[in-house]
Amino acid sequence: MSATGRLSGELFVLIARLIAEQDRLETRLDAASAALDAAGMPVAAAAMLDFCGDVLQISLPHGDLRHVTNILAEHFGESDMLVADHDIEIPRLFVSDMDSTMIGQECIDELADYAGLKERVSEITERAMRGELDFESALRERVALLEGLGEPAIDRCLAERIRPVAGARTLVQTLKNHGCRTVLVTGGFHHFADRVAEQLGFERTVGNRLAVSGGHLTGKLAGPVSDASTKLATLENERSALGEGARVLATGDGANDIPMIEAADYGIAYRAKPKARDAANGRIVSENLTSILSLLGIPRENWIE
């Protein structure tokens, strides 16, 4: 490759890691390096990580994080990546969204299918996640449509529809094994999140509560709304409890994940809507969440499969 290794005693301001296809890797690196140099952000070193053989690390002595991310995305295409303004390390806190991030579904859409309303609810969900609708209003509108649905439908939905995405449990368990606290925070519902958290190994769950009366959903929420501000507050409170210097990882896919993604040291957008992707300094475009472990530099032999 055109630049390899780390210069003795040199301090790098930006560290970028990518899981890129080996085909034309050197050509793409040369093109990206040229573009970065033209933008006044020269590459000082580039090499495959010895302990994570499929991860390319690019180091720059100075540069703008967002600009670097955009240039690398342009030249490496659909690659999983993470860009940080410090040496990347294993976080001490992991805060994650649930729907379409830790699980492959939107729970409220799947639940609405049992009421024959999936298409109507899904359209509202999609617009809310793209940031086109106010989250709370969209949530209350969708919940209202579920009025009268029997509570057993939730158990059926969990058993028949809700599945973790590839690598979700391995990601959570491996981070925990490395001393990282794990929190699932969702704009979805405790009826689902509590069981998903138990299955994957999260230590805390924050979410909305569906009001139930006489074994049926009332069409209302019980308690305050868990939204973007809740996700951010949860991250900040958990970080404060860990003390100064604790690195934080956050993952999500939608507009209401943006505040916590921006607040995290490693804000990673997982197969995300454009606004969330653009707010993140990391992105997973493949399907397997274990890519995050590789980007953090955790060798595969240390994963909890």
Protein backbone atom coordinates (compact mmCIF):
# COMPACT_ATOMS: atom_id res chain seq x y z
CA MET A 1 0.00 0.00 0.00
CA SER A 2 1.09 3.55 -0.57
CA ALA A 3 1.48 4.39 3.12
CA THR A 4 2.11 1.81 5.82
CA GLY A 5 2.94 1.59 9.47
CA ARG A 6 3.02 4.19 12.22
CA LEU A 7 5.79 6.72 12.49
CA SER A 8 7.59 6.55 15.83
CA GLY A 9 6.43 9.27 18.19
CA GLU A 10 3.92 10.76 15.73
CA LEU A 11 0.52 11.81 17.03
CA PHE A 12 -2.43 11.17 14.77
CA VAL A 13 -5.53 13.31 15.17
CA LEU A 14 -7.90 11.18 13.08
CA ILE A 15 -8.11 7.40 12.92
CA ALA A 16 -10.31 5.75 10.29
CA ARG A 17 -11.04 2.05 10.13
CA LEU A 18 -12.79 0.29 7.27
CA ILE A 19 -13.86 -3.24 6.45
CA ALA A 20 -13.36 -3.02 2.73
CA GLU A 21 -13.47 -5.57 -0.06
CA GLN A 22 -9.97 -6.78 -0.88
CA ASP A 23 -10.66 -6.42 -4.59
CA ARG A 24 -9.03 -3.19 -5.79
CA LEU A 25 -8.26 -2.22 -2.19
CA GLU A 26 -4.89 -0.66 -3.00
CA THR A 27 -6.33 1.23 -5.96
CA ARG A 28 -9.17 2.59 -3.84
CA LEU A 29 -6.76 3.54 -1.07
CA ASP A 30 -4.54 5.43 -3.51
CA ALA A 31 -7.57 7.31 -4.88
CA ALA A 32 -8.90 8.12 -1.41
CA SER A 33 -5.44 9.24 -0.26
CA ALA A 34 -5.16 11.54 -3.26
CA ALA A 35 -8.58 13.04 -2.54
CA LEU A 36 -7.73 13.55 1.13
CA ASP A 37 -4.42 15.16 0.22
CA ALA A 38 -6.18 17.49 -2.22
CA ALA A 39 -8.52 18.49 0.60
CA GLY A 40 -5.55 19.36 2.83
CA MET A 41 -5.81 16.21 4.94
CA PRO A 42 -2.86 14.01 3.94
CA VAL A 43 -2.70 10.36 4.97
CA ALA A 44 0.28 9.65 7.22
CA ALA A 45 -0.13 5.88 7.50
CA ALA A 46 -2.35 3.10 6.22
CA ALA A 47 -2.13 -0.58 7.08
CA MET A 48 -4.20 -3.66 7.79
CA LEU A 49 -4.57 -4.25 11.53
CA ASP A 50 -2.42 -7.21 12.56
CA PHE A 51 -4.99 -8.41 15.09
CA CYS A 52 -8.03 -7.83 12.85
CA GLY A 53 -6.81 -8.84 9.41
CA ASP A 54 -9.79 -7.58 7.43
CA VAL A 55 -9.68 -4.05 8.87
CA LEU A 56 -7.81 -1.25 7.13
CA GLN A 57 -6.66 1.56 9.43
CA ILE A 58 -5.90 4.99 7.98
CA SER A 59 -4.22 7.62 10.15
CA LEU A 60 -4.12 11.37 9.53
CA PRO A 61 -2.21 14.02 11.50
CA HIS A 62 -5.06 16.50 11.03
CA GLY A 63 -8.40 16.88 9.30
CA ASP A 64 -12.14 17.30 9.61
CA LEU A 65 -13.89 14.14 10.80
CA ARG A 66 -17.03 14.62 8.69
CA HIS A 67 -15.07 15.48 5.57
CA VAL A 68 -12.81 12.46 5.99
CA THR A 69 -15.83 10.20 6.44
CA ASN A 70 -17.46 11.51 3.27
CA ILE A 71 -14.32 11.10 1.17
CA LEU A 72 -13.74 7.55 2.38
CA ALA A 73 -17.37 6.65 1.73
CA GLU A 74 -17.07 8.04 -1.78
CA HIS A 75 -14.02 5.96 -2.63
CA PHE A 76 -14.67 2.77 -0.69
CA GLY A 77 -18.40 2.63 -1.40
CA GLU A 78 -20.60 0.41 0.74
CA SER A 79 -18.04 -0.35 3.45
CA ASP A 80 -18.42 -0.63 7.19
CA MET A 81 -16.34 2.13 8.75
CA LEU A 82 -15.57 4.15 11.86
CA VAL A 83 -13.72 7.48 12.06
CA ALA A 84 -12.58 8.93 15.40
CA ASP A 85 -10.52 11.86 16.63
CA HIS A 86 -8.50 9.64 18.99
CA ASP A 87 -7.04 6.15 19.15
CA ILE A 88 -10.04 3.82 18.95
CA GLU A 89 -10.59 1.77 22.09
CA ILE A 90 -13.19 -0.55 23.55
CA PRO A 91 -16.02 1.57 24.99
CA ARG A 92 -17.12 1.40 28.60
CA LEU A 93 -20.76 2.09 27.69
CA PHE A 94 -22.90 0.78 24.84
CA VAL A 95 -26.32 2.37 24.26
CA SER A 96 -28.42 0.99 21.43
CA ASP A 97 -31.73 1.47 19.71
CA MET A 98 -33.84 -1.69 19.33
CA ASP A 99 -36.15 -1.69 16.29
CA SER A 100 -34.31 -2.23 12.99
CA THR A 101 -31.02 -2.12 14.91
CA MET A 102 -30.81 -4.93 17.46
CA ILE A 103 -33.81 -6.65 15.90
CA GLY A 104 -34.68 -6.72 12.23
CA GLN A 105 -38.26 -5.51 12.62
CA GLU A 106 -40.28 -2.50 13.74
CA CYS A 107 -42.33 -3.98 16.59
CA ILE A 108 -45.30 -1.65 16.23
CA ASP A 109 -45.59 -2.44 12.51
CA GLU A 110 -45.57 -6.18 13.16
CA LEU A 111 -48.04 -5.84 16.03
CA ALA A 112 -50.34 -3.77 13.83
CA ASP A 113 -50.47 -6.67 11.38
CA TYR A 114 -52.45 -8.64 13.97
CA ALA A 115 -55.03 -5.86 13.81
CA GLY A 116 -54.98 -5.78 10.02
CA LEU A 117 -53.35 -2.34 10.01
CA LYS A 118 -49.72 -3.01 9.13
CA GLU A 119 -49.60 -1.08 5.87
CA ARG A 120 -51.16 2.02 7.43
CA VAL A 121 -48.93 1.93 10.52
CA SER A 122 -45.76 1.11 8.58
CA GLU A 123 -46.16 4.19 6.40
CA ILE A 124 -46.29 6.40 9.49
CA THR A 125 -43.30 4.59 11.01
CA GLU A 126 -41.18 5.05 7.89
CA ARG A 127 -41.91 8.77 7.69
CA ALA A 128 -41.15 9.22 11.41
CA MET A 129 -37.85 7.37 11.14
CA ARG A 130 -36.84 9.53 8.18
CA GLY A 131 -37.50 12.59 10.34
CA GLU A 132 -40.48 13.77 8.32
CA LEU A 133 -42.97 13.56 11.21
CA ASP A 134 -42.84 14.60 14.86
CA PHE A 135 -41.90 11.43 16.72
CA GLU A 136 -44.30 11.74 19.67
CA SER A 137 -47.31 12.63 17.53
CA ALA A 138 -46.56 9.77 15.14
CA LEU A 139 -46.14 7.36 18.04
CA ARG A 140 -49.42 8.32 19.69
CA GLU A 141 -51.23 8.11 16.34
CA ARG A 142 -49.97 4.58 15.73
CA VAL A 143 -50.67 3.41 19.28
CA ALA A 144 -54.23 4.77 19.03
CA LEU A 145 -54.82 2.53 16.01
CA LEU A 146 -54.10 -0.52 18.19
CA GLU A 147 -56.97 0.17 20.59
CA GLY A 148 -58.84 -3.03 21.45
CA LEU A 149 -56.10 -5.42 20.29
CA GLY A 150 -55.79 -8.31 22.75
CA GLU A 151 -52.62 -8.40 24.84
CA PRO A 152 -51.90 -12.03 23.77
CA ALA A 153 -51.13 -10.65 20.31
CA ILE A 154 -47.91 -9.24 21.76
CA ASP A 155 -46.75 -12.71 22.81
CA ARG A 156 -47.66 -14.09 19.38
CA CYS A 157 -45.81 -11.25 17.69
CA LEU A 158 -42.69 -11.85 19.77
CA ALA A 159 -42.75 -15.59 19.05
CA GLU A 160 -43.63 -15.39 15.37
CA ARG A 161 -42.10 -12.15 14.07
CA ILE A 162 -39.35 -10.64 16.23
CA ARG A 163 -35.81 -11.80 15.51
CA PRO A 164 -32.39 -10.35 16.45
CA VAL A 165 -30.21 -9.19 13.59
CA ALA A 166 -27.11 -11.21 12.81
CA GLY A 167 -24.39 -10.74 15.39
CA ALA A 168 -26.51 -8.83 17.90
CA ARG A 169 -26.02 -11.20 20.82
CA THR A 170 -22.33 -11.67 20.04
CA LEU A 171 -21.84 -7.90 20.00
CA VAL A 172 -23.57 -7.37 23.36
CA GLN A 173 -21.99 -10.34 25.12
CA THR A 174 -18.50 -9.55 23.84
CA LEU A 175 -18.68 -5.93 24.93
CA LYS A 176 -19.93 -6.99 28.36
CA ASN A 177 -17.07 -9.47 28.61
CA HIS A 178 -14.69 -6.56 28.03
CA GLY A 179 -16.18 -4.53 30.89
CA CYS A 180 -18.67 -2.47 28.88
CA ARG A 181 -22.07 -1.58 30.36
CA THR A 182 -24.94 -2.26 27.93
CA VAL A 183 -28.23 -0.34 27.72
CA LEU A 184 -31.14 -0.86 25.31
CA VAL A 185 -33.09 2.38 24.83
CA THR A 186 -36.00 2.46 22.45
CA GLY A 187 -38.90 4.52 21.19
CA GLY A 188 -40.68 1.16 21.13
CA PHE A 189 -42.28 -0.72 23.98
CA HIS A 190 -41.22 -2.49 27.15
CA HIS A 191 -43.52 -5.39 26.24
CA PHE A 192 -40.99 -6.19 23.52
CA ALA A 193 -37.78 -4.54 24.72
CA ASP A 194 -37.63 -6.31 28.08
CA ARG A 195 -37.61 -9.70 26.41
CA VAL A 196 -35.25 -8.65 23.63
CA ALA A 197 -32.86 -7.25 26.24
CA GLU A 198 -32.98 -10.50 28.19
CA GLN A 199 -32.34 -12.54 25.07
CA LEU A 200 -29.36 -10.45 23.96
CA GLY A 201 -27.91 -9.67 27.38
CA PHE A 202 -28.53 -5.95 27.89
CA GLU A 203 -28.26 -4.84 31.51
CA ARG A 204 -30.85 -2.04 31.38
CA THR A 205 -33.90 -1.25 29.25
CA VAL A 206 -35.57 2.12 28.64
CA GLY A 207 -38.72 2.44 26.51
CA ASN A 208 -42.41 3.27 26.25
CA ARG A 209 -45.21 1.39 27.96
CA LEU A 210 -48.43 0.37 26.26
CA ALA A 211 -51.50 0.94 28.44
CA VAL A 212 -53.54 -2.23 28.96
CA SER A 213 -56.99 -2.65 30.49
CA GLY A 214 -58.94 -5.87 30.77
CA GLY A 215 -56.39 -7.72 28.67
CA HIS A 216 -56.65 -5.31 25.73
CA LEU A 217 -54.60 -2.34 24.53
CA THR A 218 -56.31 0.95 25.31
CA GLY A 219 -54.73 2.83 22.42
CA LYS A 220 -52.73 4.99 24.83
CA LEU A 221 -49.32 5.05 26.46
CA ALA A 222 -48.74 4.54 30.17
CA GLY A 223 -46.24 7.07 31.46
CA PRO A 224 -43.91 9.51 29.72
CA VAL A 225 -42.82 9.14 26.12
CA SER A 226 -39.40 7.64 25.39
CA ASP A 227 -38.06 9.63 22.44
CA ALA A 228 -34.86 11.17 21.10
CA SER A 229 -34.38 13.30 24.21
CA THR A 230 -34.83 10.20 26.40
CA LYS A 231 -32.16 8.36 24.45
CA LEU A 232 -29.74 11.24 24.79
CA ALA A 233 -30.47 11.71 28.50
CA THR A 234 -29.98 7.99 29.12
CA LEU A 235 -26.61 8.07 27.39
CA GLU A 236 -25.45 11.17 29.26
CA ASN A 237 -26.62 9.90 32.67
CA GLU A 238 -24.98 6.52 32.16
CA ARG A 239 -21.76 8.15 30.98
CA SER A 240 -21.68 10.45 34.01
CA ALA A 241 -22.03 7.47 36.32
CA LEU A 242 -18.94 5.88 34.77
CA GLY A 243 -16.79 8.94 35.33
CA GLU A 244 -14.64 11.18 33.18
CA GLY A 245 -13.01 9.68 30.12
CA ALA A 246 -15.43 6.81 29.57
CA ARG A 247 -15.78 6.12 25.87
CA VAL A 248 -19.33 5.57 24.61
CA LEU A 249 -20.67 3.57 21.68
CA ALA A 250 -24.20 4.22 20.37
CA THR A 251 -26.03 2.51 17.52
CA GLY A 252 -29.28 3.35 15.79
CA ASP A 253 -30.96 3.72 12.43
CA GLY A 254 -33.52 6.52 12.55
CA ALA A 255 -33.99 10.23 13.09
CA ASN A 256 -34.78 9.85 16.80
CA ASP A 257 -31.37 8.20 17.29
CA ILE A 258 -29.45 11.20 15.99
CA PRO A 259 -28.90 13.06 19.31
CA MET A 260 -27.39 10.02 21.03
CA ILE A 261 -25.36 9.09 17.94
CA GLU A 262 -23.89 12.59 17.83
CA ALA A 263 -23.16 12.55 21.56
CA ALA A 264 -21.30 9.23 21.49
CA ASP A 265 -17.58 8.84 20.87
CA TYR A 266 -18.49 6.11 18.42
CA GLY A 267 -21.87 6.91 16.92
CA ILE A 268 -22.59 4.11 14.47
CA ALA A 269 -25.54 4.11 12.07
CA TYR A 270 -26.72 0.58 11.30
CA ARG A 271 -28.28 0.24 7.83
CA ALA A 272 -29.69 3.64 8.62
CA LYS A 273 -31.94 6.27 7.15
CA PRO A 274 -29.95 9.06 5.43
CA LYS A 275 -30.26 11.63 8.23
CA ALA A 276 -29.01 9.19 10.86
CA ARG A 277 -26.21 7.97 8.61
CA ASP A 278 -25.04 11.51 7.93
CA ALA A 279 -24.99 12.32 11.66
CA ALA A 280 -22.80 9.33 12.52
CA ASN A 281 -19.03 8.96 12.53
CA GLY A 282 -19.43 5.25 11.88
CA ARG A 283 -21.68 3.18 9.66
CA ILE A 284 -22.54 -0.48 9.20
CA VAL A 285 -23.93 -1.21 5.76
CA SER A 286 -23.49 -4.98 5.94
CA GLU A 287 -25.98 -7.02 7.95
CA ASN A 288 -23.80 -8.43 10.72
CA LEU A 289 -23.31 -6.33 13.86
CA THR A 290 -20.05 -8.12 14.66
CA SER A 291 -18.47 -5.69 12.18
CA ILE A 292 -18.53 -3.24 15.09
CA LEU A 293 -16.27 -5.57 17.08
CA SER A 294 -13.79 -5.66 14.20
CA LEU A 295 -13.84 -1.87 13.89
CA LEU A 296 -13.17 -1.59 17.63
CA GLY A 297 -10.16 -3.85 17.19
CA ILE A 298 -11.43 -6.88 19.11
CA PRO A 299 -9.94 -10.05 17.56
CA ARG A 300 -12.43 -12.74 16.54
CA GLU A 301 -10.95 -15.23 19.01
CA ASN A 302 -12.09 -12.90 21.80
CA TRP A 303 -15.72 -12.74 20.63
CA ILE A 304 -18.39 -14.41 22.74
CA GLU A 305 -20.17 -16.40 20.04
